[in-house]
C-alpha cells in the first residue's frame, strides 16, 4: 500500500520513520484556517491537506496541530516578541495541544482529534529569553517544541507525547489499523 504524508513537518516524518512506515512526503500547500472553534479548525485544516494530495488508491495521512490557551488558538508566532508573549501567558499554566488527524484510505475518509494537556512550569525571565533566542519557537504552534530545549519549559503533561510533537500515534493506529498490521 502506498502511503503519503501530506505535510512538510520534519517531526511528523521522523515519527513515521521511527514507526517503520515507508511513505512519500507531499507538501499540500493549502491555506490554513485560523479562526473558529479549535477542534473543528484542526480537523478542517487536516482535511484540506489530505484532500489536496489524495489521488487514487493508497493511504494519505494529514494532521494539523494547534495550541489552545483559554479557548484561544495561539497559532504560530509572527516574531520573537510574539513568541515571548506566548511564553509569558503559558508560564505556570496548563494549555491544550490539539491535533486533527485525517486519513483517506482507498477513497474512504476517517478523522479524529487528540488532546493533550501540557503544564508549563513557572518560567523566569532568563529562561524565556534563552528559549526565544534559541529560535525553536519559529514555525511552531504556541511558539514552542517539546523535543529539545522546549522540554525544559514543561512541568508535566497528561496525554499523548507524540501529539505534542506533531503526530498522535495512538489516534493514527486507531484510524488506520492496516498501517500497523503489515508484515515488516
Protein backbone atom coordinates (compact mmCIF):
# COMPACT_ATOMS: atom_id res chain seq x y z
CA UNK A 1 0.00 0.00 0.00
CA UNK A 2 1.37 3.42 -0.90
CA UNK A 3 1.42 5.91 1.96
CA UNK A 4 1.55 9.69 1.52
CA UNK A 5 2.21 12.10 4.36
CA UNK A 6 0.52 15.39 3.48
CA UNK A 7 2.92 17.53 5.48
CA UNK A 8 6.28 19.23 5.29
CA UNK A 9 6.78 18.75 9.04
CA UNK A 10 10.11 17.07 9.79
CA UNK A 11 8.69 15.92 13.15
CA UNK A 12 5.81 14.07 11.51
CA UNK A 13 8.19 12.43 9.03
CA UNK A 14 10.52 11.40 11.86
CA UNK A 15 7.67 9.78 13.81
CA UNK A 16 6.55 7.74 10.77
CA UNK A 17 10.14 6.71 10.02
CA UNK A 18 10.61 5.53 13.61
CA UNK A 19 7.42 3.50 13.27
CA UNK A 20 8.95 1.75 10.25
CA UNK A 21 6.41 3.17 7.79
CA UNK A 22 7.54 3.64 4.21
CA UNK A 23 5.97 6.81 2.87
CA UNK A 24 6.28 9.69 0.47
CA UNK A 25 6.04 13.31 1.59
CA UNK A 26 3.80 15.61 -0.43
CA UNK A 27 3.51 19.14 0.91
CA UNK A 28 -0.11 20.16 0.25
CA UNK A 29 0.39 23.93 0.02
CA UNK A 30 -3.13 24.81 1.17
CA UNK A 31 -4.17 27.90 3.09
CA UNK A 32 -4.97 27.00 6.68
CA UNK A 33 -7.97 28.37 8.51
CA UNK A 34 -7.10 30.39 11.61
CA UNK A 35 -10.46 31.40 13.08
CA UNK A 36 -13.21 29.36 14.69
CA UNK A 37 -13.72 26.55 17.16
CA UNK A 38 -10.34 24.92 17.82
CA UNK A 39 -11.50 21.33 17.42
CA UNK A 40 -13.27 21.98 14.12
CA UNK A 41 -10.35 24.11 12.96
CA UNK A 42 -7.69 21.40 13.34
CA UNK A 43 -9.85 18.76 11.67
CA UNK A 44 -10.80 21.03 8.76
CA UNK A 45 -7.17 22.07 8.21
CA UNK A 46 -6.09 18.41 8.22
CA UNK A 47 -8.94 17.55 5.84
CA UNK A 48 -7.88 20.29 3.42
CA UNK A 49 -4.31 18.95 3.45
CA UNK A 50 -5.42 15.35 2.88
CA UNK A 51 -7.82 16.19 0.08
CA UNK A 52 -5.22 18.35 -1.66
CA UNK A 53 -2.89 15.38 -2.17
CA UNK A 54 -5.29 12.40 -2.33
CA UNK A 55 -5.04 10.65 -5.69
CA UNK A 56 -6.27 7.12 -6.38
CA UNK A 57 -5.71 4.24 -4.02
CA UNK A 58 -3.40 4.11 -1.07
CA UNK A 59 -3.31 5.97 2.21
CA UNK A 60 -3.00 9.71 2.83
CA UNK A 61 -2.17 10.97 6.32
CA UNK A 62 -2.72 14.63 7.22
CA UNK A 63 -2.51 16.34 10.57
CA UNK A 64 -2.93 19.85 11.94
CA UNK A 65 -1.76 20.72 15.44
CA UNK A 66 -2.53 23.85 17.43
CA UNK A 67 -2.03 25.11 20.96
CA UNK A 68 -5.16 26.31 22.76
CA UNK A 69 -4.98 28.57 25.81
CA UNK A 70 -8.09 29.96 27.48
CA UNK A 71 -10.14 28.87 24.47
CA UNK A 72 -7.90 30.78 22.05
CA UNK A 73 -5.91 29.09 19.29
CA UNK A 74 -2.44 30.60 19.58
CA UNK A 75 -1.09 29.59 16.19
CA UNK A 76 2.49 30.25 15.14
CA UNK A 77 4.08 33.41 16.50
CA UNK A 78 4.86 36.01 13.85
CA UNK A 79 8.10 37.07 15.51
CA UNK A 80 10.27 36.76 18.63
CA UNK A 81 8.21 39.35 20.53
CA UNK A 82 5.02 37.35 20.00
CA UNK A 83 6.83 34.12 20.96
CA UNK A 84 7.85 35.81 24.22
CA UNK A 85 4.24 36.91 24.86
CA UNK A 86 3.10 33.31 24.38
CA UNK A 87 5.64 32.15 26.96
CA UNK A 88 4.52 34.89 29.35
CA UNK A 89 0.92 33.72 29.02
CA UNK A 90 1.67 30.00 29.37
CA UNK A 91 4.13 30.28 32.27
CA UNK A 92 2.85 28.32 35.27
CA UNK A 93 -0.33 27.34 33.44
CA UNK A 94 -1.95 24.49 31.55
CA UNK A 95 -2.80 24.61 27.87
CA UNK A 96 -4.12 22.07 25.40
CA UNK A 97 -2.27 20.74 22.39
CA UNK A 98 -4.94 19.67 19.93
CA UNK A 99 -4.38 17.73 16.72
CA UNK A 100 -6.86 16.98 13.98
CA UNK A 101 -5.91 13.86 12.08
CA UNK A 102 -7.49 12.92 8.75
CA UNK A 103 -6.68 9.80 6.79
CA UNK A 104 -8.00 8.91 3.37
CA UNK A 105 -7.58 5.23 2.66
CA UNK A 106 -8.69 3.94 -0.73
CA UNK A 107 -11.14 6.83 -1.02
CA UNK A 108 -12.62 6.47 2.49
CA UNK A 109 -12.03 9.38 4.87
CA UNK A 110 -11.70 8.94 8.63
CA UNK A 111 -10.86 11.62 11.16
CA UNK A 112 -10.33 12.24 14.84
CA UNK A 113 -9.00 14.68 17.39
CA UNK A 114 -6.31 14.13 20.02
CA UNK A 115 -5.96 16.45 23.02
CA UNK A 116 -3.02 16.61 25.38
CA UNK A 117 -2.80 18.86 28.42
CA UNK A 118 0.62 20.45 28.89
CA UNK A 119 1.50 22.33 32.07
CA UNK A 120 4.39 24.77 31.91
CA UNK A 121 6.45 25.41 34.99
CA UNK A 122 6.70 29.00 36.20
CA UNK A 123 9.29 30.43 33.81
CA UNK A 124 11.85 33.01 34.84
CA UNK A 125 12.62 35.91 32.53
CA UNK A 126 16.09 34.47 31.74
CA UNK A 127 14.50 31.11 30.81
CA UNK A 128 12.06 32.81 28.46
CA UNK A 129 14.79 34.93 26.88
CA UNK A 130 17.06 31.92 26.39
CA UNK A 131 14.25 29.98 24.73
CA UNK A 132 13.30 32.81 22.40
CA UNK A 133 16.96 33.35 21.44
CA UNK A 134 17.32 29.61 20.78
CA UNK A 135 14.80 30.05 17.95
CA UNK A 136 12.98 26.76 18.38
CA UNK A 137 9.67 28.68 18.53
CA UNK A 138 9.81 29.57 14.83
CA UNK A 139 7.10 27.90 12.79
CA UNK A 140 5.65 26.17 15.87
CA UNK A 141 2.10 26.46 17.07
CA UNK A 142 2.14 28.02 20.52
CA UNK A 143 5.72 29.10 19.97
CA UNK A 144 7.47 26.02 21.38
CA UNK A 145 8.55 22.49 20.55
CA UNK A 146 8.77 19.83 23.23
CA UNK A 147 11.50 17.76 21.55
CA UNK A 148 14.60 19.67 22.61
CA UNK A 149 15.04 22.85 24.67
CA UNK A 150 11.26 23.26 24.89
CA UNK A 151 11.15 20.22 27.17
CA UNK A 152 12.73 22.41 29.88
CA UNK A 153 9.59 24.59 29.88
CA UNK A 154 7.28 21.72 30.75
CA UNK A 155 6.38 20.70 34.28
CA UNK A 156 4.15 17.80 33.21
CA UNK A 157 1.79 16.59 30.53
CA UNK A 158 -1.31 14.46 30.50
CA UNK A 159 -1.93 12.51 27.32
CA UNK A 160 -0.01 11.71 24.19
CA UNK A 161 3.58 12.94 23.89
CA UNK A 162 3.57 12.17 20.15
CA UNK A 163 0.58 14.50 19.82
CA UNK A 164 2.62 17.36 21.28
CA UNK A 165 5.47 16.55 18.90
CA UNK A 166 3.02 16.71 15.98
CA UNK A 167 1.51 13.32 15.10
CA UNK A 168 -0.76 11.45 17.55
CA UNK A 169 0.40 7.86 17.05
CA UNK A 170 -2.37 6.23 19.10
CA UNK A 171 -5.05 8.01 17.08
CA UNK A 172 -3.24 7.15 13.85
CA UNK A 173 -3.27 3.46 14.83
CA UNK A 174 -6.97 3.69 15.66
CA UNK A 175 -7.83 5.31 12.32
CA UNK A 176 -5.52 3.13 10.20
CA UNK A 177 -5.09 -0.29 11.79
CA UNK A 178 -3.95 -1.63 8.41
CA UNK A 179 -0.84 0.56 8.65
CA UNK A 180 0.25 -1.22 11.81
CA UNK A 181 -0.73 -4.76 10.80
CA UNK A 182 1.59 -5.04 7.80
CA UNK A 183 4.43 -7.52 7.76
CA UNK A 184 7.82 -5.79 8.12
